[in-house]
Each structure stands twice: as C-alpha cells, then as structure tokens.
C-alpha cells in the first residue's frame, strides 16, 4: 500500500501493536498521541525492536491525522472529543479505520458488556463526526493487542465493514499484511455493531478459558489472505 498510515492513540497497546505489525511489513507509520514526545518514544522503541529498516515516527494526533490512512485506536470514551478537536485537520480522500469498541469498561463497567451508542456503533458515530469526503471502515476490533505484540502468526479473521469501496479495499490490504490474518468483507458499515459486540464475547471467552488469544474464524469460505500461510 502506498502512503503513510497514521495511528491515533498509537502509544496504547492496540495502536502500537498494529504499528509494529505494519512497520515490519514495510509500511510507513506515524504514531499519534496527545503527547508528541511520548509518541516519538514509542516510535523509537518500535524502531529498535524491528531494526534499521523500520519507517516509524511519532507526532501529536493532529499530525498523524494528516496521513493518507488514519487508524482510530483511542478508547471509545475519548473518541468523540478527539474527532471534534481534529474537525479542521482532515484532508479530503483520507481513509479512516475505526478499531474501537464501546465496551462498558470505558465508563467503569464490565469489559464483557457493551454500552449503547445512539448511532448504532462506534464506527457509525465516527462517520457522523467526520467531514464529508472521508471514507470510513470498521475493522480489527476482534484482534487483541497481546497477539499483535508477539512475533508469531495470528489466528484470526478480520471483518471489514464499510460503505466506501476504497476504504474497504485499503483496510483489507492492511489486514492482509498481518501474518495469519485473513480479511473478510463484512458488508455495510452498519454491520460494525455486530462485529463490535463480538469483542465483548471474546473477552468473556478469554477470561473463562484463561487465555489471551481467542479470535474468530469463518469456515467454508474460498478466501485466502496474502498474510495467511496455506
């Protein structure tokens, strides 16, 4: 994929894990944070782990939002405020990938429960808060941060939901760059409400089985990702 990938909230576990995987695959990454120095420290940590070829820099969220593709990985409770702050920053044609999940844990509740979102899902709320001309896709909600930080293949299908074909294609390409992941067309953006709810289910399964690696796979599909070994 050509162009830079900015990750809002990229110093957190999910954002930095995605940055690690994509930088290893050769993508140019800008880690965004409220604190630009903290973002650069994380970028330096990832460059040291990956090696000299890694193209990762750190910046404040506003600078990361200037990239061609922007991935939203901040906790759901802070998404609306951040998107409102960045309202004047976005460039037409940008693709935004929303990975967030409205878990009750973000407002002090249980991680295995969801909170209601007026728009239907976190991704639909994001679309409503972005200016016209920005493509939005929902993906990566069911891929845990702990798996991203490991060096082994993941065992998870990535459902990509979007009403924008360009956003869906770019998101699927990025999913395919994670070894073991398989991007699947999840349909319209409104289907994100189903995909997001699966995260709460997976958290409960992980807790009951005392693991951190539960993911989802769909059987019977003749779809193979370049990132998945045959």
C-alpha atoms as a PDB file:
ATOM      1  CA  UNK A   1       0.000   0.000   0.000  1.00  0.00           C
ATOM      2  CA  UNK A   2       1.329   3.460  -0.875  1.00  0.00           C
ATOM      3  CA  UNK A   3       1.115   6.382   1.532  1.00  0.00           C
ATOM      4  CA  UNK A   4       1.582   6.865   5.252  1.00  0.00           C
ATOM      5  CA  UNK A   5      -0.539   5.249   7.939  1.00  0.00           C
ATOM      6  CA  UNK A   6      -1.293   7.438  10.965  1.00  0.00           C
ATOM      7  CA  UNK A   7      -2.445   5.786  14.179  1.00  0.00           C
ATOM      8  CA  UNK A   8      -4.406   7.980  16.587  1.00  0.00           C
ATOM      9  CA  UNK A   9      -3.784   6.803  20.132  1.00  0.00           C
ATOM     10  CA  UNK A  10      -0.814   4.874  18.781  1.00  0.00           C
ATOM     11  CA  UNK A  11       1.013   4.661  22.105  1.00  0.00           C
ATOM     12  CA  UNK A  12      -1.671   2.351  23.517  1.00  0.00           C
ATOM     13  CA  UNK A  13      -1.473  -1.459  23.316  1.00  0.00           C
ATOM     14  CA  UNK A  14      -3.685  -1.872  20.223  1.00  0.00           C
ATOM     15  CA  UNK A  15      -2.292   1.071  18.295  1.00  0.00           C
ATOM     16  CA  UNK A  16       1.343   0.255  18.957  1.00  0.00           C
ATOM     17  CA  UNK A  17       0.703  -3.418  18.186  1.00  0.00           C
ATOM     18  CA  UNK A  18      -0.741  -2.549  14.775  1.00  0.00           C
ATOM     19  CA  UNK A  19       2.162  -0.139  14.189  1.00  0.00           C
ATOM     20  CA  UNK A  20       4.605  -2.939  14.967  1.00  0.00           C
ATOM     21  CA  UNK A  21       2.990  -5.406  12.568  1.00  0.00           C
ATOM     22  CA  UNK A  22       2.615  -2.936   9.709  1.00  0.00           C
ATOM     23  CA  UNK A  23       6.084  -1.445  10.076  1.00  0.00           C
ATOM     24  CA  UNK A  24       7.522  -4.960   9.944  1.00  0.00           C
ATOM     25  CA  UNK A  25       5.622  -5.392   6.668  1.00  0.00           C
ATOM     26  CA  UNK A  26       7.275  -2.263   5.251  1.00  0.00           C
ATOM     27  CA  UNK A  27       4.544   0.323   5.787  1.00  0.00           C
ATOM     28  CA  UNK A  28       5.422   3.907   6.763  1.00  0.00           C
ATOM     29  CA  UNK A  29       3.809   4.618  10.128  1.00  0.00           C
ATOM     30  CA  UNK A  30       3.147   7.802  12.111  1.00  0.00           C
ATOM     31  CA  UNK A  31       2.246   7.106  15.739  1.00  0.00           C
ATOM     32  CA  UNK A  32      -0.082   9.770  17.084  1.00  0.00           C
ATOM     33  CA  UNK A  33      -0.663  10.783  20.694  1.00  0.00           C
ATOM     34  CA  UNK A  34      -1.830  13.729  22.788  1.00  0.00           C
ATOM     35  CA  UNK A  35       1.832  13.922  23.822  1.00  0.00           C
ATOM     36  CA  UNK A  36       4.154  14.126  20.824  1.00  0.00           C
ATOM     37  CA  UNK A  37       7.219  13.229  22.903  1.00  0.00           C
ATOM     38  CA  UNK A  38       5.540  10.089  24.191  1.00  0.00           C
ATOM     39  CA  UNK A  39       4.660   9.161  20.611  1.00  0.00           C
ATOM     40  CA  UNK A  40       8.275   9.554  19.499  1.00  0.00           C
ATOM     41  CA  UNK A  41       9.474   7.438  22.443  1.00  0.00           C
ATOM     42  CA  UNK A  42       7.135   4.644  21.345  1.00  0.00           C
ATOM     43  CA  UNK A  43       8.300   5.030  17.750  1.00  0.00           C
ATOM     44  CA  UNK A  44      11.929   4.744  18.883  1.00  0.00           C
ATOM     45  CA  UNK A  45      11.095   1.611  20.881  1.00  0.00           C
ATOM     46  CA  UNK A  46       9.485   0.003  17.854  1.00  0.00           C
ATOM     47  CA  UNK A  47      12.341   1.012  15.523  1.00  0.00           C
ATOM     48  CA  UNK A  48      14.815  -0.593  17.914  1.00  0.00           C
ATOM     49  CA  UNK A  49      12.788  -3.803  18.053  1.00  0.00           C
ATOM     50  CA  UNK A  50      12.248  -4.100  14.304  1.00  0.00           C
ATOM     51  CA  UNK A  51      15.603  -2.869  13.060  1.00  0.00           C
ATOM     52  CA  UNK A  52      17.016  -0.105  10.918  1.00  0.00           C
ATOM     53  CA  UNK A  53      14.600  -0.539   8.029  1.00  0.00           C
ATOM     54  CA  UNK A  54      11.538   0.375  10.102  1.00  0.00           C
ATOM     55  CA  UNK A  55       9.834   3.589   8.980  1.00  0.00           C
ATOM     56  CA  UNK A  56       8.099   4.793  12.149  1.00  0.00           C
ATOM     57  CA  UNK A  57       7.885   8.311  13.554  1.00  0.00           C
ATOM     58  CA  UNK A  58       5.935   9.862  16.414  1.00  0.00           C
ATOM     59  CA  UNK A  59       3.831  13.026  16.447  1.00  0.00           C
ATOM     60  CA  UNK A  60       0.794  14.629  18.019  1.00  0.00           C
ATOM     61  CA  UNK A  61      -2.582  13.259  16.901  1.00  0.00           C
ATOM     62  CA  UNK A  62      -3.249  16.253  14.651  1.00  0.00           C
ATOM     63  CA  UNK A  63      -0.132  15.494  12.598  1.00  0.00           C
ATOM     64  CA  UNK A  64      -0.950  11.766  12.414  1.00  0.00           C
ATOM     65  CA  UNK A  65      -4.413  12.686  11.108  1.00  0.00           C
ATOM     66  CA  UNK A  66      -2.748  14.232   8.026  1.00  0.00           C
ATOM     67  CA  UNK A  67      -1.722  10.792   6.743  1.00  0.00           C
ATOM     68  CA  UNK A  68      -3.388   9.050   3.797  1.00  0.00           C
ATOM     69  CA  UNK A  69      -4.843   6.371   6.070  1.00  0.00           C
ATOM     70  CA  UNK A  70      -5.710   7.086   9.702  1.00  0.00           C
ATOM     71  CA  UNK A  71      -6.447   4.357  12.239  1.00  0.00           C
ATOM     72  CA  UNK A  72      -8.504   5.222  15.308  1.00  0.00           C
ATOM     73  CA  UNK A  73      -7.319   3.237  18.340  1.00  0.00           C
ATOM     74  CA  UNK A  74      -8.126   5.549  21.268  1.00  0.00           C
ATOM     75  CA  UNK A  75     -10.525   4.241  23.949  1.00  0.00           C
ATOM     76  CA  UNK A  76     -14.140   4.698  22.881  1.00  0.00           C
ATOM     77  CA  UNK A  77     -14.865   7.141  25.709  1.00  0.00           C
ATOM     78  CA  UNK A  78     -12.393   9.618  24.205  1.00  0.00           C
ATOM     79  CA  UNK A  79     -13.248   9.189  20.510  1.00  0.00           C
ATOM     80  CA  UNK A  80     -15.914  11.860  20.107  1.00  0.00           C
ATOM     81  CA  UNK A  81     -13.864  14.558  21.843  1.00  0.00           C
ATOM     82  CA  UNK A  82     -10.773  13.742  19.761  1.00  0.00           C
ATOM     83  CA  UNK A  83     -12.654  13.729  16.461  1.00  0.00           C
ATOM     84  CA  UNK A  84     -14.216  17.094  17.296  1.00  0.00           C
ATOM     85  CA  UNK A  85     -10.745  18.510  18.061  1.00  0.00           C
ATOM     86  CA  UNK A  86      -9.489  17.297  14.692  1.00  0.00           C
ATOM     87  CA  UNK A  87     -12.507  18.551  12.713  1.00  0.00           C
ATOM     88  CA  UNK A  88     -10.500  21.123  10.719  1.00  0.00           C
ATOM     89  CA  UNK A  89      -7.462  18.876  10.158  1.00  0.00           C
ATOM     90  CA  UNK A  90      -8.798  16.195   7.802  1.00  0.00           C
ATOM     91  CA  UNK A  91      -7.846  16.072   4.127  1.00  0.00           C
ATOM     92  CA  UNK A  92     -10.467  15.045   1.523  1.00  0.00           C
ATOM     93  CA  UNK A  93      -9.933  11.463   0.388  1.00  0.00           C
ATOM     94  CA  UNK A  94      -8.471  10.274   3.691  1.00  0.00           C
ATOM     95  CA  UNK A  95      -9.473   6.771   4.783  1.00  0.00           C
ATOM     96  CA  UNK A  96     -10.258   6.351   8.484  1.00  0.00           C
ATOM     97  CA  UNK A  97     -10.252   2.872  10.012  1.00  0.00           C
ATOM     98  CA  UNK A  98     -12.139   2.623  13.301  1.00  0.00           C
ATOM     99  CA  UNK A  99     -10.952  -0.193  15.587  1.00  0.00           C
ATOM    100  CA  UNK A 100     -12.809   0.995  18.699  1.00  0.00           C
ATOM    101  CA  UNK A 101     -15.440  -0.883  20.694  1.00  0.00           C
ATOM    102  CA  UNK A 102     -17.998   0.705  23.056  1.00  0.00           C
ATOM    103  CA  UNK A 103     -17.258  -1.609  25.964  1.00  0.00           C
ATOM    104  CA  UNK A 104     -18.841  -0.815  29.312  1.00  0.00           C
ATOM    105  CA  UNK A 105     -15.321  -0.887  30.766  1.00  0.00           C
ATOM    106  CA  UNK A 106     -14.651   2.503  29.163  1.00  0.00           C
ATOM    107  CA  UNK A 107     -17.164   4.053  31.578  1.00  0.00           C
ATOM    108  CA  UNK A 108     -16.308   1.925  34.609  1.00  0.00           C
ATOM    109  CA  UNK A 109     -18.427  -1.135  33.797  1.00  0.00           C
ATOM    110  CA  UNK A 110     -17.593  -4.711  32.873  1.00  0.00           C
ATOM    111  CA  UNK A 111     -15.359  -5.480  29.893  1.00  0.00           C
ATOM    112  CA  UNK A 112     -17.782  -8.216  28.829  1.00  0.00           C
ATOM    113  CA  UNK A 113     -20.661  -5.787  28.315  1.00  0.00           C
ATOM    114  CA  UNK A 114     -21.437  -3.173  25.679  1.00  0.00           C
ATOM    115  CA  UNK A 115     -22.822   0.317  26.113  1.00  0.00           C
ATOM    116  CA  UNK A 116     -25.461   1.685  23.794  1.00  0.00           C
ATOM    117  CA  UNK A 117     -24.373   4.084  21.063  1.00  0.00           C
ATOM    118  CA  UNK A 118     -27.017   6.406  19.637  1.00  0.00           C
ATOM    119  CA  UNK A 119     -25.720   5.986  16.067  1.00  0.00           C
ATOM    120  CA  UNK A 120     -25.734   2.165  16.387  1.00  0.00           C
ATOM    121  CA  UNK A 121     -21.991   1.501  16.637  1.00  0.00           C
ATOM    122  CA  UNK A 122     -18.696   3.198  17.395  1.00  0.00           C
ATOM    123  CA  UNK A 123     -17.847   3.225  13.698  1.00  0.00           C
ATOM    124  CA  UNK A 124     -21.150   4.877  12.743  1.00  0.00           C
ATOM    125  CA  UNK A 125     -20.546   7.521  15.404  1.00  0.00           C
ATOM    126  CA  UNK A 126     -17.105   8.139  13.919  1.00  0.00           C
ATOM    127  CA  UNK A 127     -18.569   8.578  10.441  1.00  0.00           C
ATOM    128  CA  UNK A 128     -21.097  11.081  11.749  1.00  0.00           C
ATOM    129  CA  UNK A 129     -18.335  13.147  13.386  1.00  0.00           C
ATOM    130  CA  UNK A 130     -16.092  13.244  10.308  1.00  0.00           C
ATOM    131  CA  UNK A 131     -16.484  15.730   7.449  1.00  0.00           C
ATOM    132  CA  UNK A 132     -17.834  14.675   4.054  1.00  0.00           C
ATOM    133  CA  UNK A 133     -15.279  13.131   1.720  1.00  0.00           C
ATOM    134  CA  UNK A 134     -13.679  10.882   4.346  1.00  0.00           C
ATOM    135  CA  UNK A 135     -14.037   7.131   3.802  1.00  0.00           C
ATOM    136  CA  UNK A 136     -14.701   5.121   6.966  1.00  0.00           C
ATOM    137  CA  UNK A 137     -14.175   1.413   7.585  1.00  0.00           C
ATOM    138  CA  UNK A 138     -14.533  -0.643  10.761  1.00  0.00           C
ATOM    139  CA  UNK A 139     -12.030  -3.446  11.402  1.00  0.00           C
ATOM    140  CA  UNK A 140      -9.555  -5.066  13.838  1.00  0.00           C
ATOM    141  CA  UNK A 141     -11.936  -4.970  16.825  1.00  0.00           C
ATOM    142  CA  UNK A 142     -11.542  -8.723  17.388  1.00  0.00           C
ATOM    143  CA  UNK A 143      -7.738  -8.861  17.163  1.00  0.00           C
ATOM    144  CA  UNK A 144      -6.225  -8.479  20.636  1.00  0.00           C
ATOM    145  CA  UNK A 145      -3.242  -6.270  21.390  1.00  0.00           C
ATOM    146  CA  UNK A 146      -1.321  -9.071  23.077  1.00  0.00           C
ATOM    147  CA  UNK A 147      -1.353 -11.095  19.850  1.00  0.00           C
ATOM    148  CA  UNK A 148      -0.162  -8.107  17.829  1.00  0.00           C
ATOM    149  CA  UNK A 149       2.892  -7.632  20.025  1.00  0.00           C
ATOM    150  CA  UNK A 150       4.059 -11.228  19.533  1.00  0.00           C
ATOM    151  CA  UNK A 151       6.248 -12.346  16.628  1.00  0.00           C
ATOM    152  CA  UNK A 152       4.099 -15.331  15.701  1.00  0.00           C
ATOM    153  CA  UNK A 153       1.234 -15.557  13.214  1.00  0.00           C
ATOM    154  CA  UNK A 154      -2.182 -14.562  14.493  1.00  0.00           C
ATOM    155  CA  UNK A 155      -5.167 -16.907  14.146  1.00  0.00           C
ATOM    156  CA  UNK A 156      -7.999 -14.538  13.336  1.00  0.00           C
ATOM    157  CA  UNK A 157     -10.244 -13.402  10.513  1.00  0.00           C
ATOM    158  CA  UNK A 158     -10.620  -9.625  10.166  1.00  0.00           C
ATOM    159  CA  UNK A 159     -14.118  -8.472   9.281  1.00  0.00           C
ATOM    160  CA  UNK A 160     -14.053  -5.227   7.294  1.00  0.00           C
ATOM    161  CA  UNK A 161     -17.285  -3.211   7.265  1.00  0.00           C
ATOM    162  CA  UNK A 162     -17.702  -0.093   5.138  1.00  0.00           C
ATOM    163  CA  UNK A 163     -19.989   1.735   2.730  1.00  0.00           C
ATOM    164  CA  UNK A 164     -16.913   3.016   0.865  1.00  0.00           C
ATOM    165  CA  UNK A 165     -15.182   0.610  -1.530  1.00  0.00           C
ATOM    166  CA  UNK A 166     -11.833   2.416  -1.398  1.00  0.00           C
ATOM    167  CA  UNK A 167     -11.837   2.300   2.403  1.00  0.00           C
ATOM    168  CA  UNK A 168     -12.797  -1.375   2.360  1.00  0.00           C
ATOM    169  CA  UNK A 169     -10.023  -2.252  -0.104  1.00  0.00           C
ATOM    170  CA  UNK A 170      -7.271  -0.361   1.758  1.00  0.00           C
ATOM    171  CA  UNK A 171      -8.342  -1.790   5.108  1.00  0.00           C
ATOM    172  CA  UNK A 172      -8.350  -5.316   3.674  1.00  0.00           C
ATOM    173  CA  UNK A 173      -4.847  -4.781   2.255  1.00  0.00           C
ATOM    174  CA  UNK A 174      -3.561  -3.700   5.662  1.00  0.00           C
ATOM    175  CA  UNK A 175      -5.247  -6.676   7.353  1.00  0.00           C
ATOM    176  CA  UNK A 176      -3.556  -9.000   4.866  1.00  0.00           C
ATOM    177  CA  UNK A 177      -0.148  -7.661   5.873  1.00  0.00           C
ATOM    178  CA  UNK A 178      -0.504  -9.207   9.340  1.00  0.00           C
ATOM    179  CA  UNK A 179       0.758 -12.815   9.093  1.00  0.00           C
ATOM    180  CA  UNK A 180      -2.053 -15.259   9.773  1.00  0.00           C
ATOM    181  CA  UNK A 181      -4.847 -12.698   9.438  1.00  0.00           C
ATOM    182  CA  UNK A 182      -7.485 -13.063   6.726  1.00  0.00           C
ATOM    183  CA  UNK A 183      -9.573 -10.039   5.729  1.00  0.00           C
ATOM    184  CA  UNK A 184     -13.230 -10.746   5.023  1.00  0.00           C
ATOM    185  CA  UNK A 185     -15.858  -8.460   3.505  1.00  0.00           C
ATOM    186  CA  UNK A 186     -18.180  -7.740   6.417  1.00  0.00           C
ATOM    187  CA  UNK A 187     -20.649  -5.722   4.361  1.00  0.00           C
ATOM    188  CA  UNK A 188     -22.006  -2.282   5.175  1.00  0.00           C
ATOM    189  CA  UNK A 189     -20.695  -0.032   7.923  1.00  0.00           C
ATOM    190  CA  UNK A 190     -23.863  -0.652   9.927  1.00  0.00           C
ATOM    191  CA  UNK A 191     -22.693  -4.252  10.408  1.00  0.00           C
ATOM    192  CA  UNK A 192     -19.936  -2.885  12.644  1.00  0.00           C
ATOM    193  CA  UNK A 193     -22.417  -3.004  15.520  1.00  0.00           C
ATOM    194  CA  UNK A 194     -22.401  -6.812  15.221  1.00  0.00           C
ATOM    195  CA  UNK A 195     -18.617  -7.059  14.876  1.00  0.00           C
ATOM    196  CA  UNK A 196     -18.017  -4.734  17.814  1.00  0.00           C
ATOM    197  CA  UNK A 197     -20.264  -6.828  20.059  1.00  0.00           C
ATOM    198  CA  UNK A 198     -18.172  -9.915  19.269  1.00  0.00           C
ATOM    199  CA  UNK A 199     -15.302  -8.284  21.146  1.00  0.00           C
ATOM    200  CA  UNK A 200     -17.202  -8.400  24.423  1.00  0.00           C
ATOM    201  CA  UNK A 201     -17.972 -12.075  23.750  1.00  0.00           C
ATOM    202  CA  UNK A 202     -14.296 -12.840  23.035  1.00  0.00           C
ATOM    203  CA  UNK A 203     -13.187 -11.085  26.226  1.00  0.00           C
ATOM    204  CA  UNK A 204     -15.529 -13.318  28.215  1.00  0.00           C
ATOM    205  CA  UNK A 205     -14.222 -16.435  26.446  1.00  0.00           C
ATOM    206  CA  UNK A 206     -10.631 -15.419  27.150  1.00  0.00           C
ATOM    207  CA  UNK A 207     -11.463 -14.951  30.824  1.00  0.00           C
ATOM    208  CA  UNK A 208     -13.266 -18.275  31.154  1.00  0.00           C
ATOM    209  CA  UNK A 209     -10.541 -20.249  29.395  1.00  0.00           C
ATOM    210  CA  UNK A 210      -7.702 -18.252  30.988  1.00  0.00           C
ATOM    211  CA  UNK A 211      -6.118 -17.311  27.653  1.00  0.00           C
ATOM    212  CA  UNK A 212      -5.453 -14.087  25.735  1.00  0.00           C
ATOM    213  CA  UNK A 213      -5.636 -15.480  22.227  1.00  0.00           C
ATOM    214  CA  UNK A 214      -9.294 -16.198  21.405  1.00  0.00           C
ATOM    215  CA  UNK A 215     -10.153 -14.996  17.910  1.00  0.00           C
ATOM    216  CA  UNK A 216     -12.722 -15.685  15.220  1.00  0.00           C
ATOM    217  CA  UNK A 217     -12.542 -17.850  12.089  1.00  0.00           C
ATOM    218  CA  UNK A 218     -15.236 -18.362   9.445  1.00  0.00           C
ATOM    219  CA  UNK A 219     -15.263 -21.757   7.781  1.00  0.00           C
ATOM    220  CA  UNK A 220     -16.271 -22.815   4.285  1.00  0.00           C
ATOM    221  CA  UNK A 221     -15.017 -19.695   2.507  1.00  0.00           C
ATOM    222  CA  UNK A 222     -12.723 -19.859  -0.552  1.00  0.00           C
ATOM    223  CA  UNK A 223     -10.899 -16.729   0.602  1.00  0.00           C
ATOM    224  CA  UNK A 224      -7.206 -16.629   1.405  1.00  0.00           C
ATOM    225  CA  UNK A 225      -5.264 -13.594   2.545  1.00  0.00           C
ATOM    226  CA  UNK A 226      -1.657 -12.991   1.375  1.00  0.00           C
ATOM    227  CA  UNK A 227      -0.784 -12.814   5.056  1.00  0.00           C
ATOM    228  CA  UNK A 228      -2.144 -16.247   5.880  1.00  0.00           C
ATOM    229  CA  UNK A 229       0.020 -19.302   5.360  1.00  0.00           C
ATOM    230  CA  UNK A 230      -1.560 -22.117   3.368  1.00  0.00           C
END
